[in-house]
Protein backbone atom coordinates (compact mmCIF):
# COMPACT_ATOMS: atom_id res chain seq x y z
CA MET A 1 0.00 0.00 0.00
CA LEU A 2 2.98 2.35 0.41
CA SER A 3 3.48 2.11 -3.35
CA ILE A 4 0.71 4.73 -3.58
CA LEU A 5 3.37 7.26 -2.59
CA TYR A 6 5.71 6.64 -5.52
CA GLU A 7 3.78 4.93 -8.35
CA GLY A 8 3.93 6.94 -11.54
CA LEU A 9 6.78 9.14 -10.34
CA GLU A 10 10.20 9.22 -11.89
CA ALA A 11 11.74 7.42 -8.97
CA ARG A 12 14.61 5.04 -8.51
CA LEU A 13 13.11 2.10 -6.62
CA ILE A 14 15.48 0.06 -4.47
CA GLU A 15 14.10 -3.23 -3.25
CA THR A 16 15.39 -6.04 -1.08
CA ASP A 17 18.18 -7.26 -3.34
CA CYS A 18 20.46 -4.44 -2.19
CA SER A 19 23.21 -5.03 0.39
CA ASN A 20 24.00 -2.60 3.19
CA LYS A 21 27.21 -1.66 1.40
CA GLU A 22 25.31 -1.00 -1.86
CA MET A 23 22.71 1.04 0.03
CA GLY A 24 25.49 3.15 1.56
CA TYR A 25 26.96 3.69 -1.90
CA LEU A 26 23.57 4.73 -3.34
CA LEU A 27 22.88 7.14 -0.49
CA ARG A 28 26.39 8.60 -0.65
CA HIS A 29 25.92 9.31 -4.36
CA THR A 30 22.39 10.70 -4.15
CA SER A 31 22.27 14.46 -4.48
CA SER A 32 21.27 16.26 -1.29
CA SER A 33 18.59 18.05 -3.34
CA GLU A 34 16.81 14.76 -4.13
CA ARG A 35 13.99 13.59 -1.90
CA ILE A 36 14.51 10.18 -0.37
CA MET A 37 11.58 7.98 0.64
CA LEU A 38 12.33 5.11 2.98
CA LEU A 39 9.21 2.97 3.18
CA GLY A 40 8.33 -0.38 4.71
CA HIS A 41 8.62 -2.16 8.03
CA GLY A 42 11.18 -1.35 10.66
CA SER A 43 11.95 -0.25 14.19
CA ASP A 44 13.85 2.46 16.02
CA LYS A 45 16.98 0.70 14.71
CA GLY A 46 16.10 1.30 11.04
CA LEU A 47 14.30 0.04 7.97
CA TYR A 48 14.02 -3.74 7.61
CA TYR A 49 14.32 -5.93 4.55
CA ARG A 50 13.43 -9.49 3.77
CA LYS A 51 14.76 -11.65 0.98
CA ASN A 52 11.50 -13.54 0.56
CA ASP A 53 8.15 -11.76 0.89
CA GLU A 54 6.49 -15.10 1.58
CA GLU A 55 8.31 -15.25 4.92
CA GLU A 56 6.97 -13.60 8.07
CA ASP A 57 10.28 -12.54 9.62
CA PHE A 58 12.77 -9.99 8.36
CA ASP A 59 16.35 -10.75 7.40
CA GLY A 60 17.94 -7.58 8.73
CA ILE A 61 18.20 -3.83 8.52
CA ILE A 62 18.77 -2.27 5.09
CA VAL A 63 18.95 1.34 6.32
CA GLY A 64 20.31 1.77 9.82
CA HIS A 65 23.03 3.53 11.77
CA PRO A 66 25.77 2.94 9.14
CA GLN A 67 23.69 4.68 6.44
CA ALA A 68 22.51 7.57 8.66
CA TYR A 69 25.70 9.52 7.96
CA TYR A 70 24.73 9.79 4.27
CA LEU A 71 21.11 10.62 5.08
CA ARG A 72 22.06 13.61 7.28
CA LYS A 73 23.14 15.61 4.22
CA HIS A 74 19.54 15.67 3.00
CA CYS A 75 18.63 18.31 5.61
CA GLY A 76 14.89 17.81 5.82
CA GLY A 77 14.23 16.11 2.48
CA ILE A 78 13.68 12.61 3.84
CA ILE A 79 10.38 10.80 4.16
CA GLY A 80 10.61 7.77 6.43
CA ILE A 81 7.51 5.68 6.90
CA TRP A 82 7.88 2.56 8.98
CA CYS A 83 6.98 1.74 12.56
CA HIS A 84 9.04 3.88 14.92
CA ALA A 85 10.89 5.70 12.12
CA VAL A 86 10.68 8.96 14.09
CA GLU A 87 12.66 7.39 16.94
CA PHE A 88 15.35 6.30 14.48
CA ALA A 89 15.42 9.80 12.96
CA LYS A 90 15.80 11.55 16.30
CA LYS A 91 18.51 9.14 17.47
CA GLU A 92 20.45 9.58 14.20
CA GLY A 93 19.98 13.35 13.80
CA LEU A 94 17.89 13.10 10.62
CA HIS A 95 15.40 15.70 9.44
CA GLY A 96 12.23 15.28 7.43
CA LEU A 97 8.81 13.68 7.67
CA PHE A 98 8.78 10.49 9.73
CA SER A 99 6.12 8.18 11.08
CA GLY A 100 5.74 6.71 14.51
CA MET A 101 3.95 3.42 15.03
CA ILE A 102 1.55 2.92 12.11
CA ILE A 103 -0.93 0.07 12.35
CA SER A 104 -0.83 -1.86 9.08
CA GLU A 105 -1.40 -5.41 10.30
CA MET A 106 -4.10 -6.99 12.46
CA SER A 107 -1.54 -8.16 15.02
CA GLU A 108 -0.51 -4.52 15.53
CA ALA A 109 -4.12 -3.41 15.97
CA GLU A 110 -4.57 -6.08 18.63
CA GLU A 111 -1.30 -5.16 20.34
CA TYR A 112 -2.30 -1.48 20.58
CA GLY A 113 -5.94 -2.16 21.44
CA VAL A 114 -7.37 -0.58 18.28
CA ALA A 115 -10.61 -2.22 17.18
CA THR A 116 -10.75 -2.77 13.42
CA ASP A 117 -10.96 -5.49 10.81
CA LYS A 118 -8.61 -6.22 7.90
CA GLU A 119 -10.86 -4.67 5.26
CA SER A 120 -11.37 -1.44 7.22
CA MET A 121 -7.68 -1.22 8.04
CA ASP A 122 -6.63 -1.62 4.40
CA ARG A 123 -9.24 0.90 3.21
CA THR A 124 -8.35 3.47 5.89
CA ASN A 125 -4.63 3.17 5.16
CA ARG A 126 -5.15 3.43 1.40
CA ILE A 127 -7.11 6.65 1.96
CA MET A 128 -4.43 8.02 4.29
CA PHE A 129 -1.55 7.29 1.91
CA THR A 130 -3.53 8.68 -1.04
CA GLN A 131 -4.04 11.89 0.91
CA LEU A 132 -0.34 11.98 1.79
CA ARG A 133 0.54 11.49 -1.87
CA ARG A 134 -1.71 14.44 -2.84
CA LEU A 135 -0.01 16.65 -0.26
CA LEU A 136 3.40 15.67 -1.62
CA VAL A 137 2.41 16.17 -5.27
CA ASN A 138 0.86 19.55 -4.43
CA GLY A 139 4.16 20.67 -2.93
CA THR A 140 2.99 20.94 0.67
CA PRO A 141 6.10 21.59 2.78
CA LEU A 142 7.02 18.50 4.78
CA HIS A 143 6.82 20.40 8.07
CA GLU A 144 3.13 21.18 7.40
CA ILE A 145 2.10 17.64 6.50
CA PRO A 146 1.46 16.22 10.01
CA GLU A 147 -1.20 18.87 10.75
CA CYS A 148 -2.61 18.76 7.21
CA LEU A 149 -3.01 14.98 7.40
CA LYS A 150 -4.86 15.17 10.72
CA ALA A 151 -7.28 17.68 9.18
CA LEU A 152 -7.88 15.30 6.24
CA ASP A 153 -8.98 12.38 8.41
CA THR A 154 -12.51 11.90 7.11
CA THR A 155 -12.85 8.37 8.49
CA GLN A 156 -12.58 9.41 12.16
CA SER A 157 -12.27 5.84 13.41
CA ASP A 158 -10.07 4.64 16.25
CA LEU A 159 -7.63 3.32 13.65
CA SER A 160 -7.53 6.47 11.53
CA ARG A 161 -7.04 8.71 14.57
CA PHE A 162 -4.23 6.43 15.77
CA ASN A 163 -2.42 6.43 12.41
CA TYR A 164 -3.03 10.02 11.29
CA GLU A 165 -1.62 11.32 14.58
CA ARG A 166 1.66 9.48 14.07
CA PHE A 167 3.36 11.63 11.47
CA TYR A 168 6.06 14.02 12.64
CA TYR A 169 8.42 16.54 11.17
CA VAL A 170 11.80 16.46 12.88
């Protein structure tokens, strides 16, 4: 569902077949004027990857502390959306738009006590990421997006309130 944010854009898409060393090289050679979107699953330690999408567990961290040095030069042009990305950003001194815990799986809804079902969760998140995409395409400054997104929450469910309130500009 995060593909809503980049589909149809002239974007270089890096998927799971990239090593940490290759990721460092790519980030080191990416102009500081280019926007970087880091999207997926992760923790306060960084963005995860998995070699096989059929598997439940992750194989490791594809963007973590070793790559943060190269991300710092982007001075506010980073979008990081994964669970606890904002904690990673603060710890590593990164600036941009980052998410906190976003509920995207039923196990997460149960863990955080948010009543929903799979269909509602998928629909609510599609709407949220479509609205985020519109804000990005319209040139909304990243620092304004957290408040703009909250105002766009038309669903007003426990899930939407939980997720829409977990975008931060740091």
